[in-house]
Amino acid sequence: MSDAPPFSAFPAVLTCPWPWRKGAAAILGLALLAGCVAPKGGSGAMGFVGDDIRVSPPAGYCVNQAASSDSQTGAVILIGECSRKADVVPAVISITVGDEGSAEILKSGAKALSDYFTSPAGRAALARDGDPGSVAVRETALSGGALVMRMFDRQVGEYWRAVLGLRGRLVSVSVMAPETSSLSPEQSRALLGQTITAIRAANGSAVKAAGGAAP
């Protein structure tokens, strides 16, 4: 039997990246552009949760410090394109970092995680309104030590999301379009992969062997 915590530990991390509701995404997109900050220093990374986790956005994207929140027990980091002139696809990247030890849930293994997220309880945890009918998980896969999910949300359409572990903390990453722009599922998936690669590199994290989402 797995010694991982119960799946009820997931919602506290998974629901944090949703500080807005439909109709506010356009405002958020403007706020992201207004407050985006390019990380200083050679590493191109910013520290969160007491500098335990470093976040380095993909090229052309910047952290919005004003729209993000940070504490010793967790963080919500919002990322957007650095400027309207940036040669990148407009997107809102949400990264949520859980408390110390929260990645223990990943010991359940990829299949158990996939089964959970496709269940009503798992979809309720992923939904912004807590309604499992609001979200459909259309595909799950293990990629680069992360569980990635192709999702459909009735408010924002199709997008990609991932959960992974870094330094013992559960990390959730989602990539979707601002309300005023479009983002294809292929673009969302590619940017999700770039974001995960950048985060792992910033934290010196190696990808573990397949079989479970690496904590």
N, C-alpha and C. Protein backbone atom coordinates (compact mmCIF):
# COMPACT_ATOMS: atom_id res chain seq x y z
N MET A 1 0.84 -1.20 0.00
CA MET A 1 0.00 0.00 0.00
C MET A 1 0.87 1.26 0.00
N SER A 2 0.38 2.31 -0.63
CA SER A 2 1.13 3.56 -0.69
C SER A 2 1.05 4.28 0.64
N ASP A 3 2.18 4.94 1.02
CA ASP A 3 2.17 5.74 2.24
C ASP A 3 1.91 7.21 1.92
N ALA A 4 1.40 7.49 0.72
CA ALA A 4 1.09 8.86 0.33
C ALA A 4 -0.12 9.35 1.10
N PRO A 5 -0.21 10.67 1.33
CA PRO A 5 -1.38 11.24 2.00
C PRO A 5 -2.63 11.03 1.16
N PRO A 6 -3.83 11.19 1.73
CA PRO A 6 -5.06 11.04 0.96
C PRO A 6 -5.19 12.13 -0.09
N PHE A 7 -5.94 11.82 -1.16
CA PHE A 7 -6.09 12.78 -2.24
C PHE A 7 -6.81 14.04 -1.82
N SER A 8 -7.45 14.03 -0.66
CA SER A 8 -8.12 15.25 -0.17
C SER A 8 -7.12 16.37 0.07
N ALA A 9 -5.81 16.05 0.08
CA ALA A 9 -4.77 17.06 0.26
C ALA A 9 -4.58 17.90 -1.00
N PHE A 10 -5.09 17.43 -2.16
CA PHE A 10 -4.87 18.13 -3.41
C PHE A 10 -5.56 19.50 -3.52
N PRO A 11 -6.86 19.63 -3.19
CA PRO A 11 -7.55 20.88 -3.52
C PRO A 11 -6.89 22.16 -3.03
N ALA A 12 -6.23 22.13 -1.87
CA ALA A 12 -5.62 23.36 -1.34
C ALA A 12 -4.59 23.93 -2.31
N VAL A 13 -3.89 23.07 -3.05
CA VAL A 13 -2.91 23.55 -4.02
C VAL A 13 -3.55 23.79 -5.37
N LEU A 14 -4.43 22.90 -5.79
CA LEU A 14 -4.96 22.97 -7.14
C LEU A 14 -5.89 24.15 -7.37
N THR A 15 -6.62 24.57 -6.37
CA THR A 15 -7.57 25.66 -6.57
C THR A 15 -6.95 27.04 -6.42
N CYS A 16 -5.72 27.12 -5.93
CA CYS A 16 -5.09 28.42 -5.72
C CYS A 16 -4.85 29.23 -6.99
N PRO A 17 -4.58 28.60 -8.18
CA PRO A 17 -4.30 29.42 -9.35
C PRO A 17 -5.51 30.10 -9.94
N TRP A 18 -6.65 30.10 -9.28
CA TRP A 18 -7.84 30.67 -9.87
C TRP A 18 -8.32 31.89 -9.10
N PRO A 19 -7.55 33.00 -9.04
CA PRO A 19 -7.97 34.18 -8.30
C PRO A 19 -8.97 35.02 -9.08
N TRP A 20 -9.31 34.60 -10.29
CA TRP A 20 -10.25 35.37 -11.09
C TRP A 20 -11.37 34.45 -11.58
N ARG A 21 -12.41 35.04 -12.09
CA ARG A 21 -13.53 34.31 -12.67
C ARG A 21 -13.74 34.82 -14.09
N LYS A 22 -14.61 34.17 -14.82
CA LYS A 22 -14.88 34.58 -16.19
C LYS A 22 -15.27 36.05 -16.21
N GLY A 23 -14.70 36.79 -17.17
CA GLY A 23 -14.97 38.21 -17.25
C GLY A 23 -13.84 39.03 -16.67
N ALA A 24 -13.05 38.40 -15.79
CA ALA A 24 -11.94 39.13 -15.17
C ALA A 24 -10.62 38.77 -15.83
N ALA A 25 -10.62 37.77 -16.70
CA ALA A 25 -9.37 37.34 -17.32
C ALA A 25 -8.77 38.44 -18.19
N ALA A 26 -9.62 39.23 -18.84
CA ALA A 26 -9.10 40.33 -19.67
C ALA A 26 -8.40 41.34 -18.81
N ILE A 27 -8.97 41.65 -17.63
CA ILE A 27 -8.34 42.58 -16.71
C ILE A 27 -7.02 42.02 -16.23
N LEU A 28 -7.01 40.72 -15.95
CA LEU A 28 -5.78 40.07 -15.49
C LEU A 28 -4.70 40.17 -16.55
N GLY A 29 -5.10 39.98 -17.82
CA GLY A 29 -4.11 40.05 -18.89
C GLY A 29 -3.46 41.42 -18.95
N LEU A 30 -4.24 42.47 -18.77
CA LEU A 30 -3.68 43.83 -18.75
C LEU A 30 -2.79 44.02 -17.54
N ALA A 31 -3.21 43.46 -16.41
CA ALA A 31 -2.40 43.59 -15.19
C ALA A 31 -1.08 42.87 -15.32
N LEU A 32 -1.11 41.74 -15.99
CA LEU A 32 0.13 40.99 -16.19
C LEU A 32 1.13 41.81 -16.98
N LEU A 33 0.65 42.42 -18.05
CA LEU A 33 1.55 43.23 -18.87
C LEU A 33 2.06 44.44 -18.10
N ALA A 34 1.20 45.04 -17.30
CA ALA A 34 1.57 46.25 -16.58
C ALA A 34 2.59 45.96 -15.49
N GLY A 35 2.49 44.79 -14.87
CA GLY A 35 3.34 44.52 -13.72
C GLY A 35 4.42 43.49 -13.94
N CYS A 36 4.60 43.03 -15.17
CA CYS A 36 5.59 41.98 -15.42
C CYS A 36 7.00 42.47 -15.13
N VAL A 37 7.75 41.61 -14.48
CA VAL A 37 9.12 41.94 -14.10
C VAL A 37 10.06 40.86 -14.61
N ALA A 38 11.05 41.27 -15.39
CA ALA A 38 12.07 40.32 -15.83
C ALA A 38 13.01 40.04 -14.67
N PRO A 39 13.23 38.76 -14.30
CA PRO A 39 14.13 38.45 -13.19
C PRO A 39 15.52 39.02 -13.42
N LYS A 40 16.11 39.52 -12.34
CA LYS A 40 17.45 40.09 -12.43
C LYS A 40 18.48 39.02 -12.11
N GLY A 41 19.70 39.25 -12.55
CA GLY A 41 20.78 38.32 -12.23
C GLY A 41 20.98 37.33 -13.36
N GLY A 42 22.11 36.67 -13.31
CA GLY A 42 22.47 35.73 -14.37
C GLY A 42 21.58 34.53 -14.44
N SER A 43 20.99 34.09 -13.32
CA SER A 43 20.20 32.88 -13.33
C SER A 43 18.83 33.09 -13.97
N GLY A 44 18.36 34.34 -14.06
CA GLY A 44 17.06 34.61 -14.61
C GLY A 44 15.94 33.99 -13.82
N ALA A 45 16.11 33.82 -12.51
CA ALA A 45 15.11 33.17 -11.67
C ALA A 45 14.77 34.03 -10.47
N MET A 46 13.53 33.87 -9.98
CA MET A 46 13.09 34.56 -8.78
C MET A 46 12.76 33.52 -7.72
N GLY A 47 13.03 33.85 -6.46
CA GLY A 47 12.81 32.92 -5.37
C GLY A 47 11.45 33.11 -4.71
N PHE A 48 10.82 31.98 -4.32
CA PHE A 48 9.54 32.00 -3.63
C PHE A 48 9.60 31.02 -2.46
N VAL A 49 8.60 31.09 -1.59
CA VAL A 49 8.51 30.30 -0.36
C VAL A 49 9.87 30.26 0.36
N GLY A 50 10.29 31.45 0.76
CA GLY A 50 11.56 31.55 1.47
C GLY A 50 12.75 31.21 0.62
N ASP A 51 12.65 31.45 -0.68
CA ASP A 51 13.70 31.17 -1.65
C ASP A 51 13.96 29.67 -1.80
N ASP A 52 13.01 28.84 -1.35
CA ASP A 52 13.15 27.39 -1.48
C ASP A 52 12.91 26.94 -2.91
N ILE A 53 12.01 27.63 -3.59
CA ILE A 53 11.68 27.31 -4.98
C ILE A 53 12.01 28.51 -5.86
N ARG A 54 12.74 28.25 -6.93
CA ARG A 54 13.10 29.28 -7.89
C ARG A 54 12.23 29.14 -9.13
N VAL A 55 11.76 30.27 -9.65
CA VAL A 55 10.92 30.26 -10.85
C VAL A 55 11.59 31.10 -11.92
N SER A 56 11.83 30.47 -13.06
CA SER A 56 12.41 31.15 -14.21
C SER A 56 11.45 30.96 -15.38
N PRO A 57 10.75 32.00 -15.82
CA PRO A 57 9.78 31.85 -16.91
C PRO A 57 10.46 31.50 -18.23
N PRO A 58 9.72 30.92 -19.16
CA PRO A 58 10.26 30.70 -20.50
C PRO A 58 10.65 32.04 -21.15
N ALA A 59 11.50 31.97 -22.14
CA ALA A 59 11.95 33.20 -22.82
C ALA A 59 10.78 34.00 -23.35
N GLY A 60 10.80 35.31 -23.08
CA GLY A 60 9.76 36.20 -23.55
C GLY A 60 8.62 36.40 -22.56
N TYR A 61 8.65 35.65 -21.44
CA TYR A 61 7.61 35.76 -20.42
C TYR A 61 8.24 36.23 -19.11
N CYS A 62 7.44 36.95 -18.31
CA CYS A 62 7.94 37.52 -17.07
C CYS A 62 6.96 37.28 -15.93
N VAL A 63 7.49 37.22 -14.72
CA VAL A 63 6.66 37.09 -13.52
C VAL A 63 5.98 38.41 -13.23
N ASN A 64 4.69 38.36 -12.89
CA ASN A 64 3.99 39.55 -12.44
C ASN A 64 3.99 39.51 -10.92
N GLN A 65 4.85 40.29 -10.30
CA GLN A 65 4.98 40.28 -8.85
C GLN A 65 3.74 40.81 -8.16
N ALA A 66 3.11 41.84 -8.75
CA ALA A 66 1.94 42.46 -8.13
C ALA A 66 0.75 41.51 -8.10
N ALA A 67 0.63 40.65 -9.11
CA ALA A 67 -0.50 39.74 -9.19
C ALA A 67 -0.23 38.40 -8.52
N SER A 68 1.01 38.18 -8.09
CA SER A 68 1.39 36.92 -7.44
C SER A 68 1.34 37.07 -5.93
N SER A 69 1.35 35.95 -5.23
CA SER A 69 1.39 35.97 -3.77
C SER A 69 2.42 34.95 -3.30
N ASP A 70 3.03 35.24 -2.15
CA ASP A 70 4.13 34.41 -1.68
C ASP A 70 4.15 34.39 -0.15
N SER A 71 4.40 33.21 0.42
CA SER A 71 4.53 33.08 1.86
C SER A 71 5.47 31.92 2.14
N GLN A 72 5.70 31.63 3.41
CA GLN A 72 6.58 30.51 3.77
C GLN A 72 5.91 29.17 3.50
N THR A 73 4.59 29.14 3.38
CA THR A 73 3.88 27.88 3.23
C THR A 73 3.36 27.63 1.82
N GLY A 74 3.48 28.59 0.93
CA GLY A 74 3.01 28.39 -0.43
C GLY A 74 3.07 29.66 -1.24
N ALA A 75 2.87 29.50 -2.54
CA ALA A 75 2.93 30.66 -3.43
C ALA A 75 2.05 30.44 -4.64
N VAL A 76 1.53 31.53 -5.17
CA VAL A 76 0.82 31.54 -6.45
C VAL A 76 1.55 32.54 -7.34
N ILE A 77 2.10 32.06 -8.44
CA ILE A 77 2.90 32.91 -9.33
C ILE A 77 2.20 33.02 -10.67
N LEU A 78 1.93 34.24 -11.09
CA LEU A 78 1.30 34.48 -12.38
C LEU A 78 2.33 35.09 -13.34
N ILE A 79 2.33 34.55 -14.54
CA ILE A 79 3.33 34.90 -15.55
C ILE A 79 2.62 35.25 -16.85
N GLY A 80 3.11 36.29 -17.51
CA GLY A 80 2.58 36.67 -18.82
C GLY A 80 3.71 37.12 -19.71
N GLU A 81 3.38 37.49 -20.96
CA GLU A 81 4.42 37.97 -21.86
C GLU A 81 5.02 39.27 -21.31
N CYS A 82 6.30 39.46 -21.52
CA CYS A 82 6.99 40.60 -20.94
C CYS A 82 6.47 41.93 -21.48
N SER A 83 6.04 41.96 -22.72
CA SER A 83 5.48 43.18 -23.31
C SER A 83 4.66 42.78 -24.51
N ARG A 84 3.83 43.71 -24.96
CA ARG A 84 3.00 43.43 -26.13
C ARG A 84 3.86 43.28 -27.39
N LYS A 85 5.09 43.76 -27.32
CA LYS A 85 5.99 43.65 -28.47
C LYS A 85 6.79 42.35 -28.44
N ALA A 86 6.65 41.58 -27.36
CA ALA A 86 7.40 40.34 -27.26
C ALA A 86 6.94 39.36 -28.34
N ASP A 87 7.89 38.68 -28.95
CA ASP A 87 7.59 37.74 -30.03
C ASP A 87 7.24 36.38 -29.45
N VAL A 88 6.17 36.36 -28.65
CA VAL A 88 5.71 35.12 -28.03
C VAL A 88 4.19 35.05 -28.11
N VAL A 89 3.65 33.88 -27.91
CA VAL A 89 2.20 33.71 -27.91
C VAL A 89 1.63 34.28 -26.61
N PRO A 90 0.61 35.15 -26.67
CA PRO A 90 -0.01 35.64 -25.44
C PRO A 90 -0.57 34.48 -24.61
N ALA A 91 -0.22 34.44 -23.34
CA ALA A 91 -0.67 33.35 -22.49
C ALA A 91 -0.60 33.78 -21.04
N VAL A 92 -1.43 33.14 -20.22
CA VAL A 92 -1.36 33.29 -18.77
C VAL A 92 -0.85 31.97 -18.21
N ILE A 93 0.30 32.01 -17.57
CA ILE A 93 0.89 30.83 -16.95
C ILE A 93 0.70 30.96 -15.44
N SER A 94 0.07 29.97 -14.84
CA SER A 94 -0.14 29.97 -13.39
C SER A 94 0.70 28.86 -12.77
N ILE A 95 1.47 29.21 -11.76
CA ILE A 95 2.27 28.22 -11.03
C ILE A 95 1.90 28.31 -9.56
N THR A 96 1.50 27.19 -8.99
CA THR A 96 1.15 27.15 -7.57
C THR A 96 2.11 26.22 -6.86
N VAL A 97 2.65 26.68 -5.75
CA VAL A 97 3.61 25.89 -4.96
C VAL A 97 2.98 25.59 -3.60
N GLY A 98 2.97 24.32 -3.22
CA GLY A 98 2.39 23.91 -1.95
C GLY A 98 3.37 23.98 -0.80
N ASP A 99 2.90 23.58 0.36
CA ASP A 99 3.70 23.61 1.58
C ASP A 99 4.77 22.51 1.56
N GLU A 100 5.69 22.57 2.49
CA GLU A 100 6.70 21.53 2.61
C GLU A 100 6.03 20.18 2.82
N GLY A 101 6.52 19.17 2.11
CA GLY A 101 5.98 17.83 2.25
C GLY A 101 4.75 17.55 1.41
N SER A 102 4.20 18.58 0.74
CA SER A 102 2.97 18.38 -0.03
C SER A 102 3.16 17.46 -1.23
N ALA A 103 4.41 17.29 -1.70
CA ALA A 103 4.66 16.41 -2.84
C ALA A 103 4.56 14.94 -2.48
N GLU A 104 4.39 14.63 -1.19
CA GLU A 104 4.25 13.23 -0.78
C GLU A 104 3.07 12.56 -1.48
N ILE A 105 2.06 13.35 -1.84
CA ILE A 105 0.88 12.80 -2.50
C ILE A 105 1.25 12.13 -3.82
N LEU A 106 2.36 12.55 -4.43
CA LEU A 106 2.76 12.02 -5.72
C LEU A 106 3.28 10.59 -5.62
N LYS A 107 3.57 10.13 -4.41
CA LYS A 107 4.02 8.75 -4.23
C LYS A 107 2.93 7.75 -4.58
N SER A 108 1.71 8.23 -4.73
CA SER A 108 0.61 7.35 -5.12
C SER A 108 0.85 6.72 -6.48
N GLY A 109 1.64 7.39 -7.32
CA GLY A 109 1.95 6.86 -8.64
C GLY A 109 1.08 7.46 -9.73
N ALA A 110 1.57 7.40 -10.96
CA ALA A 110 0.92 8.06 -12.09
C ALA A 110 -0.49 7.53 -12.33
N LYS A 111 -0.69 6.20 -12.27
CA LYS A 111 -2.02 5.65 -12.55
C LYS A 111 -3.04 6.09 -11.50
N ALA A 112 -2.65 6.04 -10.22
CA ALA A 112 -3.57 6.46 -9.17
C ALA A 112 -3.90 7.94 -9.30
N LEU A 113 -2.91 8.75 -9.66
CA LEU A 113 -3.14 10.18 -9.85
C LEU A 113 -4.09 10.43 -11.01
N SER A 114 -3.85 9.71 -12.12
CA SER A 114 -4.70 9.86 -13.29
C SER A 114 -6.13 9.44 -12.97
N ASP A 115 -6.28 8.32 -12.26
CA ASP A 115 -7.62 7.85 -11.88
C ASP A 115 -8.33 8.88 -11.00
N TYR A 116 -7.56 9.50 -10.10
CA TYR A 116 -8.16 10.50 -9.22
C TYR A 116 -8.65 11.71 -10.01
N PHE A 117 -7.80 12.24 -10.88
CA PHE A 117 -8.16 13.47 -11.59
C PHE A 117 -9.29 13.27 -12.59
N THR A 118 -9.51 12.05 -13.05
CA THR A 118 -10.64 11.80 -13.94
C THR A 118 -11.91 11.44 -13.18
N SER A 119 -11.81 11.29 -11.87
CA SER A 119 -12.98 10.99 -11.04
C SER A 119 -13.74 12.27 -10.72
N PRO A 120 -14.99 12.17 -10.27
CA PRO A 120 -15.74 13.38 -9.89
C PRO A 120 -15.03 14.21 -8.82
N ALA A 121 -14.43 13.55 -7.82
CA ALA A 121 -13.72 14.29 -6.77
C ALA A 121 -12.52 15.03 -7.33
N GLY A 122 -11.79 14.40 -8.23
CA GLY A 122 -10.62 15.03 -8.83
C GLY A 122 -10.99 16.19 -9.72
N ARG A 123 -12.05 16.01 -10.51
CA ARG A 123 -12.49 17.10 -11.39
C ARG A 123 -13.04 18.27 -10.58
N ALA A 124 -13.67 17.97 -9.45
CA ALA A 124 -14.13 19.05 -8.57
C ALA A 124 -12.95 19.85 -8.02
N ALA A 125 -11.84 19.15 -7.71
CA ALA A 125 -10.64 19.82 -7.22
C ALA A 125 -10.02 20.71 -8.29
N LEU A 126 -10.14 20.29 -9.55
CA LEU A 126 -9.57 21.06 -10.65
C LEU A 126 -10.45 22.23 -11.08
N ALA A 127 -11.75 22.13 -10.79
CA ALA A 127 -12.70 23.14 -11.25
C ALA A 127 -12.62 24.40 -10.41
N ARG A 128 -12.73 25.54 -11.06
CA ARG A 128 -12.70 26.82 -10.36
C ARG A 128 -13.94 27.02 -9.49
N ASP A 129 -15.06 26.42 -9.92
CA ASP A 129 -16.29 26.58 -9.15
C ASP A 129 -16.61 25.37 -8.28
N GLY A 130 -15.68 24.38 -8.26
CA GLY A 130 -15.89 23.20 -7.44
C GLY A 130 -16.88 22.21 -8.02
N ASP A 131 -17.37 22.47 -9.22
CA ASP A 131 -18.35 21.60 -9.87
C ASP A 131 -17.63 20.65 -10.81
N PRO A 132 -17.68 19.33 -10.56
CA PRO A 132 -16.98 18.39 -11.46
C PRO A 132 -17.49 18.44 -12.89
N GLY A 133 -18.74 18.91 -13.07
CA GLY A 133 -19.28 19.03 -14.41
C GLY A 133 -18.70 20.17 -15.21
N SER A 134 -17.95 21.04 -14.55
CA SER A 134 -17.35 22.19 -15.23
C SER A 134 -16.07 21.82 -15.97
N VAL A 135 -15.50 20.66 -15.64
CA VAL A 135 -14.19 20.28 -16.16
C VAL A 135 -14.21 18.86 -16.71
N ALA A 136 -13.54 18.66 -17.82
CA ALA A 136 -13.33 17.32 -18.36
C ALA A 136 -11.84 17.12 -18.55
N VAL A 137 -11.33 15.99 -18.06
CA VAL A 137 -9.93 15.64 -18.27
C VAL A 137 -9.88 14.70 -19.47
N ARG A 138 -9.38 15.19 -20.58
CA ARG A 138 -9.45 14.45 -21.84
C ARG A 138 -8.25 13.55 -22.09
N GLU A 139 -7.16 13.84 -21.40
CA GLU A 139 -5.95 13.03 -21.62
C GLU A 139 -5.01 13.23 -20.44
N THR A 140 -4.38 12.17 -20.00
CA THR A 140 -3.33 12.28 -18.98
C THR A 140 -2.11 11.50 -19.46
N ALA A 141 -0.95 11.97 -19.08
CA ALA A 141 0.29 11.29 -19.47
C ALA A 141 1.40 11.69 -18.51
N LEU A 142 2.39 10.84 -18.40
CA LEU A 142 3.58 11.17 -17.62
C LEU A 142 4.64 11.69 -18.58
N SER A 143 5.10 12.91 -18.34
CA SER A 143 6.07 13.53 -19.24
C SER A 143 7.09 14.31 -18.43
N GLY A 144 8.34 13.96 -18.57
CA GLY A 144 9.39 14.69 -17.88
C GLY A 144 9.24 14.66 -16.37
N GLY A 145 8.74 13.56 -15.83
CA GLY A 145 8.57 13.45 -14.39
C GLY A 145 7.36 14.18 -13.84
N ALA A 146 6.49 14.67 -14.74
CA ALA A 146 5.28 15.39 -14.32
C ALA A 146 4.05 14.69 -14.90
N LEU A 147 2.95 14.75 -14.18
CA LEU A 147 1.69 14.27 -14.72
C LEU A 147 1.05 15.43 -15.47
N VAL A 148 0.90 15.29 -16.78
CA VAL A 148 0.32 16.35 -17.60
C VAL A 148 -1.08 15.95 -18.01
N MET A 149 -1.96 16.94 -18.07
CA MET A 149 -3.37 16.69 -18.36
C MET A 149 -3.89 17.66 -19.40
N ARG A 150 -4.54 17.11 -20.42
CA ARG A 150 -5.25 17.96 -21.39
C ARG A 150 -6.67 18.10 -20.88
N MET A 151 -7.07 19.32 -20.62
CA MET A 151 -8.33 19.57 -19.95
C MET A 151 -9.25 20.46 -20.77
N PHE A 152 -10.54 20.32 -20.49
CA PHE A 152 -11.51 21.25 -21.04
C PHE A 152 -12.27 21.87 -19.89
N ASP A 153 -12.27 23.19 -19.84
CA ASP A 153 -13.00 23.94 -18.83
C ASP A 153 -14.10 24.72 -19.56
N ARG A 154 -15.33 24.60 -19.11
CA ARG A 154 -16.42 25.21 -19.85
C ARG A 154 -16.35 26.74 -19.87
N GLN A 155 -15.51 27.32 -19.02
CA GLN A 155 -15.36 28.78 -19.02
C GLN A 155 -14.20 29.26 -19.89
N VAL A 156 -13.14 28.46 -19.97
CA VAL A 156 -11.94 28.92 -20.69
C VAL A 156 -11.56 28.05 -21.87
N GLY A 157 -12.28 26.95 -22.09
CA GLY A 157 -11.96 26.08 -23.21
C GLY A 157 -10.89 25.05 -22.86
N GLU A 158 -10.18 24.60 -23.89
CA GLU A 158 -9.20 23.54 -23.70
C GLU A 158 -7.83 24.13 -23.37
N TYR A 159 -7.14 23.49 -22.44
CA TYR A 159 -5.80 23.90 -22.08
C TYR A 159 -5.07 22.73 -21.43
N TRP A 160 -3.80 22.92 -21.12
CA TRP A 160 -2.98 21.87 -20.51
C TRP A 160 -2.55 22.29 -19.11
N ARG A 161 -2.40 21.27 -18.27
CA ARG A 161 -2.01 21.49 -16.88
C ARG A 161 -1.09 20.36 -16.45
N ALA A 162 -0.24 20.62 -15.46
CA ALA A 162 0.68 19.59 -14.96
C ALA A 162 0.81 19.70 -13.45
N VAL A 163 1.09 18.56 -12.82
CA VAL A 163 1.46 18.54 -11.41
C VAL A 163 2.78 17.79 -11.30
N LEU A 164 3.67 18.31 -10.46
CA LEU A 164 4.97 17.71 -10.26
C LEU A 164 5.47 18.06 -8.88
N GLY A 165 6.54 17.43 -8.48
CA GLY A 165 7.15 17.71 -7.19
C GLY A 165 8.50 18.38 -7.35
N LEU A 166 8.76 19.38 -6.53
CA LEU A 166 10.07 20.05 -6.49
C LEU A 166 10.46 20.27 -5.04
N ARG A 167 11.59 19.73 -4.65
CA ARG A 167 12.11 19.92 -3.30
C ARG A 167 11.06 19.60 -2.23
N GLY A 168 10.29 18.56 -2.48
CA GLY A 168 9.30 18.11 -1.52
C GLY A 168 7.99 18.87 -1.56
N ARG A 169 7.88 19.84 -2.46
CA ARG A 169 6.65 20.64 -2.56
C ARG A 169 5.87 20.27 -3.82
N LEU A 170 4.55 20.22 -3.68
CA LEU A 170 3.68 19.96 -4.82
C LEU A 170 3.56 21.24 -5.64
N VAL A 171 3.79 21.13 -6.95
CA VAL A 171 3.74 22.27 -7.85
C VAL A 171 2.72 21.98 -8.95
N SER A 172 1.84 22.93 -9.18
CA SER A 172 0.86 22.84 -10.26
C SER A 172 1.14 23.94 -11.27
N VAL A 173 1.12 23.59 -12.55
CA VAL A 173 1.38 24.55 -13.62
C VAL A 173 0.24 24.47 -14.63
N SER A 174 -0.32 25.59 -15.00
CA SER A 174 -1.34 25.61 -16.05
C SER A 174 -1.03 26.71 -17.05
N VAL A 175 -1.42 26.49 -18.29
CA VAL A 175 -1.18 27.46 -19.36
C VAL A 175 -2.47 27.64 -20.14
N MET A 176 -2.98 28.87 -20.16
CA MET A 176 -4.20 29.15 -20.90
C MET A 176 -4.12 30.52 -21.54
N ALA A 177 -5.10 30.80 -22.38
CA ALA A 177 -5.12 32.07 -23.11
C ALA A 177 -5.75 33.16 -22.27
N PRO A 178 -5.26 34.40 -22.38
CA PRO A 178 -6.01 35.53 -21.83
C PRO A 178 -7.35 35.62 -22.56
N GLU A 179 -8.34 36.21 -21.93
CA GLU A 179 -9.67 36.24 -22.54
C GLU A 179 -9.68 36.99 -23.87
N THR A 180 -8.74 37.90 -24.05
CA THR A 180 -8.73 38.70 -25.27
C THR A 180 -7.91 38.06 -26.40
N SER A 181 -7.33 36.88 -26.15
CA SER A 181 -6.50 36.23 -27.16
C SER A 181 -6.87 34.76 -27.25
N SER A 182 -6.34 34.10 -28.25
CA SER A 182 -6.56 32.66 -28.42
C SER A 182 -5.25 31.92 -28.22
N LEU A 183 -5.38 30.66 -27.81
CA LEU A 183 -4.21 29.82 -27.60
C LEU A 183 -4.64 28.40 -27.92
N SER A 184 -4.02 27.81 -28.92
CA SER A 184 -4.41 26.47 -29.32
C SER A 184 -3.92 25.46 -28.28
N PRO A 185 -4.55 24.28 -28.19
CA PRO A 185 -4.07 23.25 -27.27
C PRO A 185 -2.61 22.88 -27.52
N GLU A 186 -2.20 22.90 -28.79
CA GLU A 186 -0.81 22.58 -29.12
C GLU A 186 0.14 23.64 -28.57
N GLN A 187 -0.25 24.91 -28.68
CA GLN A 187 0.56 25.98 -28.13
C GLN A 187 0.61 25.91 -26.61
N SER A 188 -0.53 25.60 -25.99
CA SER A 188 -0.58 25.46 -24.53
C SER A 188 0.33 24.33 -24.07
N ARG A 189 0.28 23.19 -24.77
CA ARG A 189 1.11 22.04 -24.39
C ARG A 189 2.60 22.36 -24.54
N ALA A 190 2.95 23.01 -25.64
CA ALA A 190 4.36 23.35 -25.86
C ALA A 190 4.87 24.30 -24.79
N LEU A 191 4.07 25.31 -24.45
CA LEU A 191 4.48 26.28 -23.45
C LEU A 191 4.52 25.65 -22.05
N LEU A 192 3.63 24.70 -21.80
CA LEU A 192 3.67 23.97 -20.53
C LEU A 192 5.01 23.24 -20.40
N GLY A 193 5.42 22.55 -21.46
CA GLY A 193 6.70 21.84 -21.43
C GLY A 193 7.87 22.78 -21.22
N GLN A 194 7.85 23.94 -21.88
CA GLN A 194 8.92 24.92 -21.71
C GLN A 194 8.97 25.44 -20.28
N THR A 195 7.79 25.64 -19.68
CA THR A 195 7.73 26.15 -18.32
C THR A 195 8.28 25.13 -17.33
N ILE A 196 7.89 23.87 -17.49
CA ILE A 196 8.39 22.82 -16.60
C ILE A 196 9.90 22.68 -16.73
N THR A 197 10.40 22.71 -17.97
CA THR A 197 11.85 22.61 -18.18
C THR A 197 12.58 23.77 -17.51
N ALA A 198 12.03 24.99 -17.63
CA ALA A 198 12.67 26.17 -17.04
C ALA A 198 12.66 26.09 -15.51
N ILE A 199 11.55 25.62 -14.94
CA ILE A 199 11.46 25.51 -13.47
C ILE A 199 12.44 24.46 -12.96
N ARG A 200 12.50 23.32 -13.64
CA ARG A 200 13.43 22.27 -13.20
C ARG A 200 14.88 22.76 -13.27
N ALA A 201 15.21 23.46 -14.35
CA ALA A 201 16.57 23.96 -14.51
C ALA A 201 16.90 24.97 -13.42
N ALA A 202 15.93 25.83 -13.08
CA ALA A 202 16.17 26.85 -12.06
C ALA A 202 16.39 26.25 -10.68
N ASN A 203 15.83 25.04 -10.46
CA ASN A 203 15.94 24.40 -9.15
C ASN A 203 16.92 23.24 -9.15
N GLY A 204 17.64 23.07 -10.25
CA GLY A 204 18.61 21.98 -10.33
C GLY A 204 17.96 20.63 -10.15
N SER A 205 16.73 20.48 -10.67
CA SER A 205 15.97 19.26 -10.48
C SER A 205 16.16 18.31 -11.66
N ALA A 206 16.55 17.09 -11.36
CA ALA A 206 16.68 16.06 -12.39
C ALA A 206 15.36 15.31 -12.50
N VAL A 207 15.05 14.88 -13.71
CA VAL A 207 13.84 14.10 -13.94
C VAL A 207 14.09 12.66 -13.55
N LYS A 208 13.24 12.09 -12.68
CA LYS A 208 13.40 10.72 -12.26
C LYS A 208 12.82 9.76 -13.30
N ALA A 209 13.09 8.50 -13.10
CA ALA A 209 12.63 7.49 -14.04
C ALA A 209 11.12 7.45 -14.07
N ALA A 210 10.55 6.99 -15.21
CA ALA A 210 9.11 6.91 -15.36
C ALA A 210 8.51 5.96 -14.34
N GLY A 211 7.22 6.21 -14.02
CA GLY A 211 6.53 5.35 -13.06
C GLY A 211 5.77 6.17 -12.04
N GLY A 212 6.18 7.38 -11.85
CA GLY A 212 5.49 8.26 -10.91
C GLY A 212 5.95 9.68 -11.14
N ALA A 213 5.15 10.62 -10.71
CA ALA A 213 5.54 12.03 -10.84
C ALA A 213 6.58 12.33 -9.79
N ALA A 214 7.76 12.75 -10.23
CA ALA A 214 8.91 12.89 -9.34
C ALA A 214 8.67 13.93 -8.27
N PRO A 215 8.87 13.56 -6.98
CA PRO A 215 8.74 14.54 -5.92
C PRO A 215 10.02 15.30 -5.68
